[in-house]
Amino acid sequence: MKKVASFISAGFVLLALAVTGCSSPLSLVTKAETIPQTVTAQTDDRAVTAFTVLSHYYDKGSFNRNYTSYSTAFTDKTDDVNVDTGAWIVIRLSNAVNPSCLPTSLDNTSAYPVTVRRTEDNQLILGTFELRNGNKDLVFRPVQRHWLEPLSGSEGSKASWQGIKPNYTYSVTVSGLIDVNGQSLSAASSWTFKTIDVDWGLYFVSKKQADGYVYMEKFVPGRANRYFNPSGKTMIYTHGYEKNAVINDYRRENMLYFITKGSGTIPLGLDTLQYIIDDGWNFGIFFWDQFADEPDEVKNAEAKIWKTNNGFQGMRYRVRTGFGKGEYRTTNQPVRSLGEEFYNIYITAMAGNTANKRIIAHSTGAQLGAYLVRVVSDRVTSGTISASFVPNRLALLEGFWSKDAKSYFNGILGWTKSMWNGEAVRSIISTVKSRHTAMAIEQDKHQNYMCGDSWMSIGDANYDLRKMTCVTYVYPDFIGTSATGDTGDRHCYARLYYFWTYAATITSWIEGHGGVTSRTADSTIRRYMNNGSSNYVFVQSAGKGSATPGDDTFSRVSLKNY
């Protein structure tokens, strides 16, 4: 209810559903706060004023990548090109709309007075409706719906989603409206618009709803978000390398359990975030997937975290151009590194928030999470921002750092030399540990002696980082132990496992059997952090043969390499 209350406070009142069984919070229609539901008809107006569409625009549809402050980066847009994927469509009408003509269910698409379709395949975009400006402005608020595709061949079960995506043309048709005088639109109105070809930013996430879907909404400053309480405790996750995600219709992670390997009970579709969200957390994902999609070399992706002019592929991004096809572009690339973009978005979203904050970073994204924490620390230390921005906890899940020194480190964050990526992250962790003595920093590793973590000789084990953090070794041997066939799924299981262990019953079991979880207190994680001279690791001793963490046991032993 906190998130609903947050939405109301933005100046809209939720129109209660009259349909029994509509359990999704997205099945909402809103109306302007000061407009009564019943408006007295005026005979003269009915006689002389035709009901027409006057114009349209896109609420927060223009993103200025050269922004001075992210809080003002989005503005309304009146033309139909390069529309931001987070825009809402606003239709201006000559007369006030009768609210009773608006649908009361997200899936009642036959009653939509505004239909938005992707022209390539006629896919309908789902959304909800609001009224503003004396009920003369109708707002279509697109939604993002996420799910798992059915099992298919070697691909198994993969994440998929429906919503407004980059580099597509969409058609809009307005019809079926009735004004307060009972008049229908004198004529339908239609047009097309084209979205901008790149999207990055912070998306807040729902738990899995009764309809079986997960929903997400982009954080846009100054606008209410269904899944974000600005004063609530917040976890923000960032993904890693996303090979070929773009040409697969911009595939994005959604935290539903998708790994099909193993025997016994395989919990396909389990919402691993439900326990976190039920405990009152906001959960956000920083998506940078179009930059992380570099099929030929992960080094091209990680370089974008640190510097724009990085000596690899700069800040290019991948764009889907057709079924299974894509190309790289630079036209609308960010003018800052992804690390700086993440920082600017983070401090905008967390402004005024004094609650607990946690950064969770997976794979190559571990470098992005570390960068964010270091920049926040630097700005707090210099007095530029408040200490409330410092995260309480940093979780590095199956962190990846490529081998070899990179010249792009010279000149950033006070460094004056080339470094390996793992070395740069160790420098960051050393600095923030000394500055922020209450911050908890943890690592989860999910490989073993068979798989290792050198990643076919392209990566750095970064063993010395384990001497600085609280470390857990999880062995999901139910997936398999093949270095070539199972490393990827073990790697991805790390994020599912971490969120899943937040379940109270699982935490009670694991803490009672020698281990720690994502629900374990920050202070406890801090107490178990290694200090370089006295180093330990939580090693899984039982439960390796099942997907569930609910039977896992651990021993705390001297730090070792798996």
Protein backbone atom coordinates (compact mmCIF):
# COMPACT_ATOMS: atom_id res chain seq x y z
CA MET A 1 0.00 0.00 0.00
CA LYS A 2 2.95 2.33 0.45
CA LYS A 3 3.59 2.47 -3.27
CA VAL A 4 -0.10 3.17 -4.01
CA ALA A 5 -0.07 5.97 -1.46
CA SER A 6 3.03 7.37 -3.16
CA PHE A 7 1.17 7.37 -6.48
CA ILE A 8 -1.82 9.19 -4.99
CA SER A 9 0.40 11.84 -3.50
CA ALA A 10 1.58 12.81 -6.98
CA GLY A 11 -1.81 14.41 -7.62
CA PHE A 12 -3.97 11.59 -8.93
CA VAL A 13 -6.71 9.57 -7.29
CA LEU A 14 -7.08 5.89 -8.14
CA LEU A 15 -10.51 4.97 -9.45
CA ALA A 16 -11.52 1.86 -7.53
CA LEU A 17 -12.09 -1.26 -9.59
CA ALA A 18 -15.66 -2.40 -9.89
CA VAL A 19 -14.76 -5.72 -11.44
CA THR A 20 -14.57 -8.71 -9.11
CA GLY A 21 -11.36 -10.73 -9.34
CA CYS A 22 -9.08 -8.01 -10.80
CA SER A 23 -6.11 -8.60 -8.52
CA SER A 24 -3.37 -6.93 -10.56
CA PRO A 25 -2.38 -3.48 -9.24
CA LEU A 26 -2.05 -2.44 -12.86
CA SER A 27 -5.78 -2.74 -13.40
CA LEU A 28 -6.18 0.90 -12.51
CA VAL A 29 -7.74 3.88 -14.19
CA THR A 30 -7.17 7.33 -12.75
CA LYS A 31 -8.89 10.65 -12.98
CA ALA A 32 -7.87 14.16 -12.10
CA GLU A 33 -8.18 14.88 -8.39
CA THR A 34 -10.39 17.91 -8.64
CA ILE A 35 -12.83 16.55 -11.21
CA PRO A 36 -16.04 14.91 -9.96
CA GLN A 37 -17.17 11.72 -11.63
CA THR A 38 -20.46 13.24 -12.67
CA VAL A 39 -20.35 16.47 -14.64
CA THR A 40 -23.54 18.31 -15.45
CA ALA A 41 -24.20 18.39 -19.19
CA GLN A 42 -24.59 21.79 -20.82
CA THR A 43 -27.11 21.73 -23.64
CA ASP A 44 -25.58 24.70 -25.48
CA ASP A 45 -22.11 23.15 -25.50
CA ARG A 46 -23.57 19.86 -26.67
CA ALA A 47 -25.20 21.58 -29.57
CA VAL A 48 -22.25 23.67 -30.78
CA THR A 49 -19.05 21.95 -29.62
CA ALA A 50 -17.97 18.89 -31.57
CA PHE A 51 -15.89 16.34 -29.70
CA THR A 52 -12.50 16.19 -31.43
CA VAL A 53 -8.84 15.38 -30.88
CA LEU A 54 -6.94 18.67 -30.82
CA SER A 55 -3.34 17.46 -30.54
CA HIS A 56 -1.01 15.04 -28.79
CA TYR A 57 2.36 15.06 -27.08
CA TYR A 58 4.65 12.72 -25.16
CA ASP A 59 4.94 13.28 -21.42
CA LYS A 60 8.70 13.17 -20.61
CA GLY A 61 9.26 11.93 -24.14
CA SER A 62 12.47 13.84 -24.78
CA PHE A 63 15.72 12.80 -23.09
CA ASN A 64 18.65 15.22 -23.21
CA ARG A 65 21.81 13.11 -23.01
CA ASN A 66 23.80 16.32 -22.47
CA TYR A 67 21.88 17.04 -19.27
CA THR A 68 23.42 19.13 -16.51
CA SER A 69 21.32 17.36 -13.89
CA TYR A 70 19.53 14.05 -14.43
CA SER A 71 16.60 15.48 -12.46
CA THR A 72 15.80 17.74 -15.44
CA ALA A 73 16.98 15.48 -18.27
CA PHE A 74 13.44 14.56 -19.40
CA THR A 75 11.02 17.05 -20.92
CA ASP A 76 7.75 16.82 -22.87
CA LYS A 77 7.98 16.19 -26.61
CA THR A 78 5.63 17.36 -29.34
CA ASP A 79 7.15 15.74 -32.44
CA ASP A 80 6.97 12.05 -33.29
CA VAL A 81 10.61 11.03 -33.69
CA ASN A 82 13.20 9.87 -31.16
CA VAL A 83 10.54 9.42 -28.48
CA ASP A 84 11.94 8.04 -25.22
CA THR A 85 10.80 4.53 -24.34
CA GLY A 86 9.52 5.75 -20.97
CA ALA A 87 7.16 8.36 -22.45
CA TRP A 88 3.44 8.54 -21.75
CA ILE A 89 1.13 9.55 -24.60
CA VAL A 90 -1.12 12.54 -23.91
CA ILE A 91 -4.12 13.26 -26.17
CA ARG A 92 -5.67 16.73 -25.91
CA LEU A 93 -9.41 16.81 -26.54
CA SER A 94 -11.88 19.58 -27.20
CA ASN A 95 -14.33 18.44 -24.49
CA ALA A 96 -14.10 16.75 -21.11
CA VAL A 97 -14.07 12.94 -21.28
CA ASN A 98 -16.70 10.91 -19.44
CA PRO A 99 -14.58 8.66 -17.14
CA SER A 100 -17.08 5.83 -17.50
CA CYS A 101 -15.90 5.15 -21.06
CA LEU A 102 -12.41 4.16 -19.86
CA PRO A 103 -11.55 0.48 -19.25
CA THR A 104 -11.26 -0.80 -15.69
CA SER A 105 -8.91 -3.67 -16.47
CA LEU A 106 -5.48 -3.81 -18.05
CA ASP A 107 -6.43 -6.81 -20.17
CA ASN A 108 -9.79 -5.42 -21.34
CA THR A 109 -8.09 -4.31 -24.54
CA SER A 110 -11.30 -4.26 -26.60
CA ALA A 111 -12.38 -1.26 -24.50
CA TYR A 112 -9.15 0.71 -25.00
CA PRO A 113 -10.01 4.16 -26.43
CA VAL A 114 -6.36 4.51 -27.42
CA THR A 115 -4.57 1.62 -29.13
CA VAL A 116 -0.81 1.59 -29.62
CA ARG A 117 0.63 -1.09 -31.88
CA ARG A 118 4.13 -1.96 -33.01
CA THR A 119 3.95 -1.67 -36.79
CA GLU A 120 6.42 -4.48 -37.51
CA ASP A 121 4.16 -7.21 -36.12
CA ASN A 122 0.98 -5.42 -34.97
CA GLN A 123 1.80 -6.22 -31.33
CA LEU A 124 -0.56 -4.35 -29.00
CA ILE A 125 0.97 -2.29 -26.21
CA LEU A 126 -0.84 -2.63 -22.90
CA GLY A 127 -1.42 0.38 -20.69
CA THR A 128 -3.61 2.24 -18.25
CA PHE A 129 -5.45 5.55 -18.59
CA GLU A 130 -5.53 8.82 -16.66
CA LEU A 131 -7.42 12.06 -17.08
CA ARG A 132 -5.94 15.52 -16.51
CA ASN A 133 -6.74 19.16 -17.19
CA GLY A 134 -10.43 19.05 -16.37
CA ASN A 135 -10.69 15.62 -18.04
CA LYS A 136 -9.69 17.13 -21.41
CA ASP A 137 -6.27 15.45 -21.47
CA LEU A 138 -6.29 11.66 -21.79
CA VAL A 139 -3.03 9.99 -20.78
CA PHE A 140 -2.06 6.54 -22.03
CA ARG A 141 0.53 5.09 -19.66
CA PRO A 142 2.23 2.06 -21.30
CA VAL A 143 3.22 -0.85 -19.09
CA GLN A 144 6.08 -3.31 -19.33
CA ARG A 145 5.04 -6.93 -18.84
CA HIS A 146 7.75 -9.58 -18.32
CA TRP A 147 7.58 -13.38 -18.38
CA LEU A 148 9.42 -16.56 -19.38
CA GLU A 149 9.11 -18.00 -22.85
CA PRO A 150 8.12 -21.69 -23.00
CA LEU A 151 10.90 -24.25 -23.28
CA SER A 152 12.24 -24.51 -26.81
CA GLY A 153 15.18 -26.59 -28.01
CA SER A 154 18.64 -25.86 -26.66
CA GLU A 155 17.59 -22.33 -25.74
CA GLY A 156 15.48 -23.61 -22.85
CA SER A 157 13.38 -21.03 -21.01
CA LYS A 158 14.27 -17.39 -21.65
CA ALA A 159 13.08 -14.03 -20.39
CA SER A 160 10.80 -11.99 -22.62
CA TRP A 161 8.81 -8.78 -22.29
CA GLN A 162 6.22 -6.60 -23.94
CA GLY A 163 6.25 -2.82 -23.96
CA ILE A 164 7.67 0.23 -25.72
CA LYS A 165 11.15 -0.66 -27.02
CA PRO A 166 13.95 1.22 -28.81
CA ASN A 167 14.09 1.77 -32.58
CA TYR A 168 10.54 0.69 -33.39
CA THR A 169 7.71 2.51 -35.15
CA TYR A 170 4.35 2.49 -33.34
CA SER A 171 0.90 3.41 -34.62
CA VAL A 172 -1.61 5.20 -32.37
CA THR A 173 -5.38 5.26 -32.92
CA VAL A 174 -7.82 7.25 -30.77
CA SER A 175 -11.48 6.22 -30.98
CA GLY A 176 -14.40 5.11 -28.84
CA LEU A 177 -14.31 8.08 -26.46
CA ILE A 178 -17.43 9.73 -25.10
CA ASP A 179 -17.52 13.22 -23.64
CA VAL A 180 -19.52 14.36 -20.61
CA ASN A 181 -22.39 15.36 -22.90
CA GLY A 182 -22.68 11.85 -24.30
CA GLN A 183 -21.10 12.73 -27.64
CA SER A 184 -18.74 10.31 -29.39
CA LEU A 185 -15.61 11.53 -31.13
CA SER A 186 -16.57 13.13 -34.42
CA ALA A 187 -13.75 11.21 -36.10
CA ALA A 188 -11.01 8.79 -35.08
CA SER A 189 -7.49 10.15 -35.00
CA SER A 190 -4.32 8.24 -35.80
CA TRP A 191 -0.58 8.80 -36.28
CA THR A 192 2.75 7.00 -35.92
CA PHE A 193 5.83 7.69 -33.85
CA LYS A 194 9.37 6.31 -33.78
CA THR A 195 11.24 5.59 -30.55
CA ILE A 196 14.82 6.62 -29.96
CA ASP A 197 17.26 3.83 -30.79
CA VAL A 198 18.84 3.43 -27.35
CA ASP A 199 17.62 3.17 -23.76
CA TRP A 200 19.47 2.98 -20.48
CA GLY A 201 18.30 3.73 -16.98
CA LEU A 202 16.76 2.53 -13.75
CA TYR A 203 13.61 0.39 -13.78
CA PHE A 204 11.65 -0.50 -10.67
CA VAL A 205 10.12 -3.96 -10.50
CA SER A 206 6.96 -5.58 -9.14
CA LYS A 207 6.80 -9.04 -7.72
CA LYS A 208 5.06 -11.64 -9.86
CA GLN A 209 1.36 -10.80 -10.01
CA ALA A 210 -1.69 -13.06 -9.92
CA ASP A 211 -1.78 -12.93 -13.72
CA GLY A 212 1.64 -14.63 -13.81
CA TYR A 213 3.60 -11.60 -15.01
CA VAL A 214 6.24 -9.31 -13.56
CA TYR A 215 5.90 -5.60 -14.31
CA MET A 216 8.55 -2.87 -14.53
CA GLU A 217 8.45 0.89 -14.88
CA LYS A 218 11.26 3.26 -15.80
CA PHE A 219 12.33 5.80 -13.20
CA VAL A 220 11.70 9.26 -14.66
CA PRO A 221 12.46 12.18 -12.31
CA GLY A 222 9.42 14.16 -11.24
CA ARG A 223 6.96 11.40 -12.11
CA ALA A 224 5.32 8.84 -9.82
CA ASN A 225 6.40 5.22 -10.29
CA ARG A 226 4.08 2.32 -9.46
CA TYR A 227 6.86 0.23 -7.90
CA PHE A 228 8.95 2.84 -6.11
CA ASN A 229 8.42 4.39 -2.70
CA PRO A 230 10.89 7.34 -2.65
CA SER A 231 11.41 7.00 1.11
CA GLY A 232 11.57 3.20 1.25
CA LYS A 233 14.55 0.90 1.68
CA THR A 234 15.97 0.13 -1.73
CA MET A 235 17.97 -2.57 -3.50
CA ILE A 236 19.40 -1.69 -6.91
CA TYR A 237 20.76 -4.43 -9.15
CA THR A 238 22.91 -4.13 -12.22
CA HIS A 239 23.47 -6.89 -14.75
CA GLY A 240 26.60 -7.84 -16.66
CA TYR A 241 27.50 -8.95 -20.17
CA GLU A 242 24.43 -9.42 -22.42
CA LYS A 243 25.57 -11.20 -25.57
CA ASN A 244 22.96 -11.03 -28.38
CA ALA A 245 20.22 -9.73 -26.05
CA VAL A 246 19.41 -6.89 -28.44
CA ILE A 247 18.80 -9.00 -31.55
CA ASN A 248 16.50 -11.18 -29.42
CA ASP A 249 14.04 -8.27 -29.20
CA TYR A 250 15.94 -6.52 -26.39
CA ARG A 251 15.83 -9.45 -23.97
CA ARG A 252 16.19 -8.33 -20.33
CA GLU A 253 16.62 -10.10 -17.01
CA ASN A 254 13.50 -10.40 -14.84
CA MET A 255 14.61 -12.66 -11.91
CA LEU A 256 12.14 -15.45 -12.64
CA TYR A 257 13.86 -18.82 -12.24
CA PHE A 258 14.75 -20.04 -15.74
CA ILE A 259 17.50 -22.68 -15.49
CA THR A 260 16.25 -25.98 -16.86
CA LYS A 261 19.18 -28.21 -15.90
CA GLY A 262 19.03 -30.60 -12.97
CA SER A 263 16.87 -33.42 -11.72
CA GLY A 264 13.97 -33.46 -9.31
CA THR A 265 11.99 -30.29 -8.73
CA ILE A 266 12.98 -27.47 -11.08
CA PRO A 267 11.12 -24.31 -10.02
CA LEU A 268 10.70 -22.73 -13.46
CA GLY A 269 9.04 -19.34 -13.17
CA LEU A 270 9.63 -18.98 -9.43
CA ASP A 271 9.70 -15.28 -8.55
CA THR A 272 12.96 -14.99 -6.62
CA LEU A 273 12.22 -11.32 -5.80
CA GLN A 274 8.91 -11.91 -4.03
CA TYR A 275 10.48 -12.29 -0.59
CA ILE A 276 12.40 -9.03 -0.91
CA ILE A 277 9.46 -6.99 -2.18
CA ASP A 278 7.10 -8.51 0.40
CA ASP A 279 9.52 -7.27 3.08
CA GLY A 280 8.97 -3.69 1.93
CA TRP A 281 11.99 -3.14 -0.31
CA ASN A 282 12.01 -1.18 -3.54
CA PHE A 283 13.82 -3.26 -6.15
CA GLY A 284 15.35 -1.50 -9.14
CA ILE A 285 17.45 -2.68 -12.08
CA PHE A 286 19.92 -0.45 -13.87
CA PHE A 287 19.70 -1.62 -17.48
CA TRP A 288 22.62 -0.99 -19.83
CA ASP A 289 21.97 -3.99 -22.07
CA GLN A 290 22.51 -2.28 -25.43
CA PHE A 291 26.04 -1.34 -24.35
CA ALA A 292 26.68 -4.75 -22.78
CA ASP A 293 25.80 -6.59 -26.00
CA GLU A 294 29.26 -7.02 -27.53
CA PRO A 295 29.30 -10.57 -28.95
CA ASP A 296 32.96 -10.56 -29.97
CA GLU A 297 34.62 -9.31 -26.80
CA VAL A 298 33.49 -8.65 -23.23
CA LYS A 299 36.34 -6.14 -22.86
CA ASN A 300 34.44 -3.84 -25.22
CA ALA A 301 31.50 -3.85 -22.81
CA GLU A 302 33.39 -3.38 -19.54
CA ALA A 303 35.42 -0.47 -20.94
CA LYS A 304 32.23 1.60 -21.26
CA ILE A 305 31.78 1.45 -17.49
CA TRP A 306 34.93 3.42 -16.88
CA LYS A 307 35.55 5.92 -19.68
CA THR A 308 33.91 7.14 -22.91
CA ASN A 309 37.16 7.45 -24.85
CA ASN A 310 38.36 4.05 -23.68
CA GLY A 311 40.46 2.79 -26.59
CA PHE A 312 38.15 -0.15 -27.30
CA GLN A 313 34.77 0.51 -28.97
CA GLY A 314 33.95 3.77 -27.22
CA MET A 315 30.31 4.08 -26.14
CA ARG A 316 28.73 2.40 -29.14
CA TYR A 317 25.46 0.54 -28.57
CA ARG A 318 23.72 -2.27 -30.42
CA VAL A 319 20.35 -1.71 -32.11
CA ARG A 320 17.92 -4.31 -33.40
CA THR A 321 17.28 -3.69 -37.11
CA GLY A 322 15.16 -6.75 -37.93
CA PHE A 323 14.45 -10.29 -36.87
CA GLY A 324 17.75 -11.65 -35.56
CA LYS A 325 19.63 -8.66 -36.97
CA GLY A 326 21.41 -5.71 -35.41
CA GLU A 327 24.03 -3.04 -35.90
CA TYR A 328 26.19 -0.75 -33.78
CA ARG A 329 25.54 2.98 -33.61
CA THR A 330 26.94 6.02 -31.85
CA THR A 331 24.35 8.68 -32.79
CA ASN A 332 22.65 8.88 -29.39
CA GLN A 333 25.43 7.48 -27.21
CA PRO A 334 25.85 8.92 -23.71
CA VAL A 335 28.40 11.69 -23.24
CA ARG A 336 29.48 10.19 -19.91
CA SER A 337 30.74 6.74 -18.96
CA LEU A 338 28.15 4.24 -17.78
CA GLY A 339 29.59 4.50 -14.29
CA GLU A 340 28.84 8.23 -14.25
CA GLU A 341 25.37 7.64 -15.72
CA PHE A 342 24.64 5.10 -12.99
CA TYR A 343 25.82 7.55 -10.34
CA ASN A 344 23.69 10.45 -11.67
CA ILE A 345 20.58 8.29 -11.85
CA TYR A 346 21.23 6.80 -8.40
CA ILE A 347 21.58 10.12 -6.58
CA THR A 348 18.49 11.48 -8.34
CA ALA A 349 16.37 8.48 -7.36
CA MET A 350 17.72 8.36 -3.80
CA ALA A 351 17.50 12.09 -3.10
CA GLY A 352 16.05 12.59 0.38
CA ASN A 353 15.96 8.85 1.06
CA THR A 354 17.55 7.97 4.40
CA ALA A 355 16.50 4.31 4.43
CA ASN A 356 18.72 1.27 3.91
CA LYS A 357 20.32 0.99 0.47
CA ARG A 358 21.99 -1.98 -1.18
CA ILE A 359 23.80 -2.30 -4.50
CA ILE A 360 23.79 -5.79 -6.02
CA ALA A 361 26.00 -6.33 -9.04
CA HIS A 362 26.37 -9.46 -11.16
CA SER A 363 29.16 -10.55 -13.50
CA THR A 364 30.73 -7.63 -15.41
CA GLY A 365 28.22 -5.43 -13.63
CA ALA A 366 30.28 -5.92 -10.46
CA GLN A 367 32.67 -3.33 -11.89
CA LEU A 368 29.74 -0.95 -12.40
CA GLY A 369 28.54 -1.46 -8.82
CA ALA A 370 32.04 -0.86 -7.48
CA TYR A 371 32.41 2.29 -9.56
CA LEU A 372 29.12 3.68 -8.25
CA VAL A 373 30.08 3.09 -4.63
CA ARG A 374 33.48 4.74 -5.11
CA VAL A 375 32.04 7.87 -6.76
CA VAL A 376 29.38 8.19 -4.06
CA SER A 377 32.11 7.84 -1.44
CA ASP A 378 34.28 10.49 -3.12
CA ARG A 379 31.42 12.99 -3.34
CA VAL A 380 30.37 12.36 0.26
CA THR A 381 33.96 12.80 1.43
CA SER A 382 34.26 16.09 -0.46
CA GLY A 383 30.96 17.32 1.01
CA THR A 384 29.21 17.47 -2.39
CA ILE A 385 26.40 15.12 -1.34
CA SER A 386 24.96 13.84 1.94
CA ALA A 387 26.29 10.75 3.72
CA SER A 388 22.80 9.25 3.40
CA PHE A 389 23.66 8.33 -0.19
CA VAL A 390 26.32 5.83 0.91
CA PRO A 391 24.97 2.29 0.38
CA ASN A 392 24.76 0.13 3.47
CA ARG A 393 25.81 -2.94 1.53
CA LEU A 394 27.50 -3.97 -1.71
CA ALA A 395 27.03 -7.50 -3.07
CA LEU A 396 29.30 -8.70 -5.89
CA LEU A 397 27.79 -11.85 -7.40
CA GLU A 398 30.09 -13.90 -9.63
CA GLY A 399 32.07 -10.77 -10.44
CA PHE A 400 33.94 -10.78 -13.74
CA TRP A 401 37.11 -8.79 -14.44
CA SER A 402 39.06 -9.30 -17.64
CA LYS A 403 42.80 -9.87 -17.56
CA ASP A 404 45.54 -7.47 -18.73
CA ALA A 405 46.19 -3.82 -17.91
CA LYS A 406 43.99 -1.08 -19.41
CA SER A 407 45.27 2.41 -20.11
CA TYR A 408 41.82 3.93 -19.61
CA PHE A 409 42.25 3.71 -15.83
CA ASN A 410 44.96 6.35 -16.01
CA GLY A 411 43.36 9.68 -15.13
CA ILE A 412 40.10 8.53 -13.50
CA LEU A 413 39.25 8.29 -9.78
CA GLY A 414 42.66 9.74 -8.95
CA TRP A 415 44.57 6.88 -10.54
CA THR A 416 47.75 7.62 -12.47
CA LYS A 417 48.57 4.31 -14.11
CA SER A 418 47.24 1.48 -16.23
CA MET A 419 45.67 -1.34 -14.22
CA TRP A 420 43.92 -4.66 -14.55
CA ASN A 421 40.16 -4.33 -13.92
CA GLY A 422 40.36 -6.53 -10.83
CA GLU A 423 43.13 -4.35 -9.45
CA ALA A 424 40.97 -1.25 -9.95
CA VAL A 425 38.09 -2.87 -8.05
CA ARG A 426 40.42 -3.87 -5.19
CA SER A 427 41.56 -0.26 -4.96
CA ILE A 428 37.92 0.84 -4.71
CA ILE A 429 37.04 -1.69 -2.04
CA SER A 430 40.11 -0.76 0.02
CA THR A 431 39.15 2.93 -0.12
CA VAL A 432 35.47 2.56 0.77
CA LYS A 433 36.22 0.05 3.55
CA SER A 434 38.47 2.55 5.26
CA ARG A 435 36.08 5.47 4.80
CA HIS A 436 32.79 3.76 5.66
CA THR A 437 33.37 1.36 8.51
CA ALA A 438 29.75 0.22 8.70
CA MET A 439 29.43 -0.76 5.01
CA ALA A 440 29.02 -4.48 4.39
CA ILE A 441 30.72 -5.92 1.29
CA GLU A 442 30.17 -9.50 0.18
CA GLN A 443 31.04 -11.82 -2.70
CA ASP A 444 29.28 -14.98 -3.85
CA LYS A 445 31.16 -17.41 -6.12
CA HIS A 446 29.30 -20.27 -7.82
CA GLN A 447 31.98 -22.17 -9.70
CA ASN A 448 34.23 -24.98 -8.43
CA TYR A 449 37.52 -26.66 -9.23
CA MET A 450 36.07 -28.03 -12.48
CA CYS A 451 34.65 -24.76 -13.79
CA GLY A 452 36.99 -22.30 -12.10
CA ASP A 453 36.57 -18.58 -12.71
CA SER A 454 39.27 -17.73 -15.23
CA TRP A 455 36.52 -17.91 -17.89
CA MET A 456 38.44 -19.74 -20.55
CA SER A 457 41.57 -17.67 -19.95
CA ILE A 458 39.96 -14.26 -20.62
CA GLY A 459 39.29 -13.40 -16.98
CA ASP A 460 41.14 -12.67 -13.78
CA ALA A 461 40.37 -14.75 -10.67
CA ASN A 462 41.03 -11.61 -8.58
CA TYR A 463 41.73 -13.82 -5.60
CA ASP A 464 43.06 -10.95 -3.49
CA LEU A 465 39.63 -9.29 -3.54
CA ARG A 466 38.36 -12.24 -1.49
CA LYS A 467 40.79 -11.21 1.25
CA MET A 468 38.82 -7.97 1.66
CA THR A 469 35.18 -9.10 1.70
CA CYS A 470 32.75 -11.61 3.20
CA VAL A 471 32.96 -14.57 0.82
CA THR A 472 30.60 -17.48 0.15
CA TYR A 473 31.26 -20.42 -2.19
CA VAL A 474 28.06 -22.02 -3.49
CA TYR A 475 28.30 -25.25 -5.50
CA PRO A 476 25.19 -25.71 -7.69
CA ASP A 477 26.35 -29.10 -8.91
CA PHE A 478 22.78 -30.05 -9.83
CA ILE A 479 23.39 -27.88 -12.93
CA GLY A 480 26.57 -29.77 -13.85
CA THR A 481 30.33 -29.38 -13.50
CA SER A 482 31.48 -29.03 -17.09
CA ALA A 483 33.77 -26.08 -17.69
CA THR A 484 32.43 -25.69 -21.23
CA GLY A 485 28.80 -26.70 -20.79
CA ASP A 486 27.74 -25.57 -17.32
CA THR A 487 29.78 -22.51 -16.35
CA GLY A 488 27.27 -20.08 -17.85
CA ASP A 489 24.24 -21.47 -16.01
CA ARG A 490 26.16 -21.65 -12.73
CA HIS A 491 27.16 -18.05 -13.31
CA CYS A 492 23.54 -16.94 -13.85
CA TYR A 493 22.26 -19.04 -10.94
CA ALA A 494 24.21 -16.74 -8.61
CA ARG A 495 21.70 -13.91 -8.88
CA LEU A 496 18.67 -16.18 -8.59
CA TYR A 497 20.19 -17.87 -5.54
CA TYR A 498 21.02 -14.60 -3.80
CA PHE A 499 17.48 -13.25 -4.09
CA TRP A 500 15.88 -16.60 -3.28
CA THR A 501 17.79 -16.89 0.00
CA TYR A 502 16.01 -13.77 1.28
CA ALA A 503 13.03 -15.99 2.08
CA ALA A 504 12.74 -16.02 5.87
CA THR A 505 12.52 -19.82 6.12
CA ILE A 506 15.60 -20.29 3.94
CA THR A 507 17.61 -17.72 5.87
CA SER A 508 16.63 -19.38 9.14
CA TRP A 509 17.82 -22.73 7.79
CA ILE A 510 21.11 -21.51 6.30
CA GLU A 511 22.04 -19.31 9.26
CA GLY A 512 21.28 -22.28 11.49
CA HIS A 513 23.56 -24.45 9.36
CA GLY A 514 26.70 -22.38 9.17
CA GLY A 515 26.07 -19.84 6.42
CA VAL A 516 24.86 -16.34 5.58
CA THR A 517 22.25 -15.11 3.08
CA SER A 518 20.95 -11.96 1.42
CA ARG A 519 18.68 -11.50 4.44
CA THR A 520 21.51 -11.77 6.98
CA ALA A 521 22.01 -8.48 8.84
CA ASP A 522 24.42 -5.97 7.31
CA SER A 523 26.33 -5.83 10.59
CA THR A 524 26.86 -9.59 10.50
CA ILE A 525 28.18 -9.48 6.94
CA ARG A 526 30.50 -6.66 7.98
CA ARG A 527 31.77 -8.73 10.91
CA TYR A 528 32.60 -11.62 8.57
CA MET A 529 34.55 -9.46 6.08
CA ASN A 530 38.14 -10.56 5.64
CA ASN A 531 40.93 -8.18 6.58
CA GLY A 532 43.87 -9.50 4.58
CA SER A 533 45.59 -11.33 7.40
CA SER A 534 42.73 -13.38 8.86
CA ASN A 535 40.76 -14.70 5.91
CA TYR A 536 37.86 -17.14 5.79
CA VAL A 537 35.16 -18.35 3.42
CA PHE A 538 31.72 -19.92 3.82
CA VAL A 539 31.89 -23.17 1.83
CA GLN A 540 28.79 -25.15 0.90
CA SER A 541 28.92 -28.65 2.33
CA ALA A 542 25.44 -30.05 1.56
CA GLY A 543 22.49 -29.34 -0.73
CA LYS A 544 24.59 -29.23 -3.90
CA GLY A 545 22.31 -31.61 -5.76
CA SER A 546 19.12 -29.52 -5.61
CA ALA A 547 18.07 -26.16 -7.00
CA THR A 548 16.55 -24.94 -3.76
CA PRO A 549 18.79 -23.21 -1.20
CA GLY A 550 16.47 -24.58 1.48
CA ASP A 551 18.67 -27.62 2.15
CA ASP A 552 22.09 -25.96 1.86
CA THR A 553 24.57 -26.14 4.71
CA PHE A 554 27.92 -24.40 5.08
CA SER A 555 31.20 -24.47 6.97
CA ARG A 556 33.39 -21.46 7.61
CA VAL A 557 36.96 -22.41 6.80
CA SER A 558 40.23 -20.71 5.96
CA LEU A 559 40.07 -18.96 2.61
CA LYS A 560 40.93 -21.22 -0.29
CA ASN A 561 40.58 -21.22 -4.06
CA TYR A 562 37.40 -23.34 -4.24
